[in-house]
Protein backbone atom coordinates (compact mmCIF):
# COMPACT_ATOMS: atom_id res chain seq x y z
CA UNK A 1 77.90 107.17 118.74
CA UNK A 2 81.37 105.49 118.70
CA UNK A 3 80.82 104.27 115.14
CA UNK A 4 79.79 107.79 114.13
CA UNK A 5 82.76 109.42 115.54
CA UNK A 6 85.06 106.60 113.84
CA UNK A 7 83.27 107.19 110.56
CA UNK A 8 84.02 110.98 110.70
CA UNK A 9 87.64 110.56 111.63
CA UNK A 10 87.93 108.23 108.51
CA UNK A 11 86.02 110.82 106.29
CA UNK A 12 88.45 113.67 107.59
CA UNK A 13 91.47 111.76 106.58
CA UNK A 14 90.24 112.35 103.04
CA UNK A 15 92.04 115.05 101.19
CA UNK A 16 88.59 116.74 99.90
CA UNK A 17 87.00 116.60 103.53
CA UNK A 18 87.86 119.14 106.69
CA UNK A 19 86.17 118.39 109.80
CA UNK A 20 84.82 121.65 112.03
CA UNK A 21 83.79 120.84 115.56
CA UNK A 22 81.64 123.48 117.16
CA UNK A 23 82.37 123.32 120.70
CA UNK A 24 79.23 123.09 123.23
CA UNK A 25 80.66 126.11 124.79
CA UNK A 26 79.48 128.19 121.94
CA UNK A 27 75.74 127.72 122.75
CA UNK A 28 73.27 128.83 120.21
CA UNK A 29 74.50 129.17 116.54
CA UNK A 30 73.35 129.26 113.05
CA UNK A 31 74.31 125.42 112.81
CA UNK A 32 71.36 124.64 115.10
CA UNK A 33 68.80 125.70 112.35
CA UNK A 34 69.05 122.43 110.73
CA UNK A 35 71.34 120.56 108.30
CA UNK A 36 72.20 121.47 104.79
CA UNK A 37 74.45 120.91 102.00
CA UNK A 38 76.05 123.09 99.29
CA UNK A 39 77.37 121.92 96.24
CA UNK A 40 79.21 123.37 93.61
CA UNK A 41 78.53 121.88 90.17
CA UNK A 42 80.90 121.27 87.09
CA UNK A 43 79.62 124.42 85.55
CA UNK A 44 80.45 126.51 88.65
CA UNK A 45 76.99 126.96 89.77
CA UNK A 46 76.14 126.26 93.33
CA UNK A 47 72.85 124.38 94.95
CA UNK A 48 71.83 123.92 98.25
CA UNK A 49 69.78 120.93 99.97
CA UNK A 50 68.31 121.90 103.38
CA UNK A 51 66.79 119.15 105.45
CA UNK A 52 63.94 119.35 108.13
CA UNK A 53 61.92 116.49 110.20
CA UNK A 54 59.04 117.70 107.78
CA UNK A 55 60.65 117.91 104.28
CA UNK A 56 63.66 118.15 102.26
CA UNK A 57 64.11 120.79 99.86
CA UNK A 58 66.43 121.60 96.87
CA UNK A 59 67.73 125.12 96.96
CA UNK A 60 68.44 126.48 93.60
CA UNK A 61 67.37 130.35 93.84
CA UNK A 62 70.38 132.55 94.00
CA UNK A 63 69.25 134.64 97.13
CA UNK A 64 68.47 131.26 98.96
CA UNK A 65 71.81 129.66 97.89
CA UNK A 66 73.85 132.94 99.19
CA UNK A 67 71.80 132.75 102.50
CA UNK A 68 72.97 129.23 103.06
CA UNK A 69 76.57 130.28 102.12
CA UNK A 70 76.51 133.15 104.64
CA UNK A 71 75.03 130.54 107.24
CA UNK A 72 77.97 128.09 106.42
CA UNK A 73 80.61 131.16 106.97
CA UNK A 74 79.22 131.88 110.25
CA UNK A 75 79.18 128.34 111.42
CA UNK A 76 82.81 128.02 110.46
CA UNK A 77 83.29 131.34 112.38
CA UNK A 78 82.12 129.54 115.51
CA UNK A 79 83.77 126.10 114.83
CA UNK A 80 87.57 125.17 115.86
CA UNK A 81 90.00 125.20 113.12
CA UNK A 82 90.20 121.72 111.07
CA UNK A 83 93.56 120.97 112.87
CA UNK A 84 91.92 121.62 116.21
CA UNK A 85 88.99 119.36 115.13
CA UNK A 86 90.92 116.65 113.71
CA UNK A 87 92.04 115.16 117.12
CA UNK A 88 95.80 114.91 115.79
CA UNK A 89 96.89 117.47 118.32
CA UNK A 90 98.71 116.52 121.43
CA UNK A 91 97.26 117.58 124.68
CA UNK A 92 100.16 119.68 125.59
CA UNK A 93 99.93 123.23 127.48
CA UNK A 94 100.52 124.99 124.00
CA UNK A 95 97.69 123.11 122.47
CA UNK A 96 95.25 124.08 125.24
CA UNK A 97 96.59 127.68 124.91
CA UNK A 98 96.05 127.71 121.25
CA UNK A 99 92.38 126.44 121.66
CA UNK A 100 91.68 129.11 124.29
CA UNK A 101 93.15 131.76 121.91
CA UNK A 102 90.93 130.45 119.15
CA UNK A 103 87.63 130.59 121.43
CA UNK A 104 88.86 134.11 122.41
CA UNK A 105 89.11 135.34 118.89
CA UNK A 106 85.59 133.79 117.92
CA UNK A 107 84.10 135.57 121.06
CA UNK A 108 85.74 138.82 119.76
CA UNK A 109 84.12 138.36 116.14
CA UNK A 110 80.56 138.05 117.81
């Protein structure tokens, strides 16, 4: 697990990557339905890839891609901001208040 976390920190340092952590206090949320990827191609089209223990599926129907896009937006709505997820913040009282404010705003959006 430690190596996985270190790898995520290294990936998050890349300019094309943002890490969004969903706190355990959120409980059930759209991301628990299983992993998926959305990829924008050079021609501007978007494809998805969804995994489960039984199969992997390429998602190329526009309605299904749109569903994954909406799911991603719901997940991002539950997650901490990339800045709070990055671990770069200091554990000062101000930061705890900012995290509490962010969690309160997420609760109000539900």
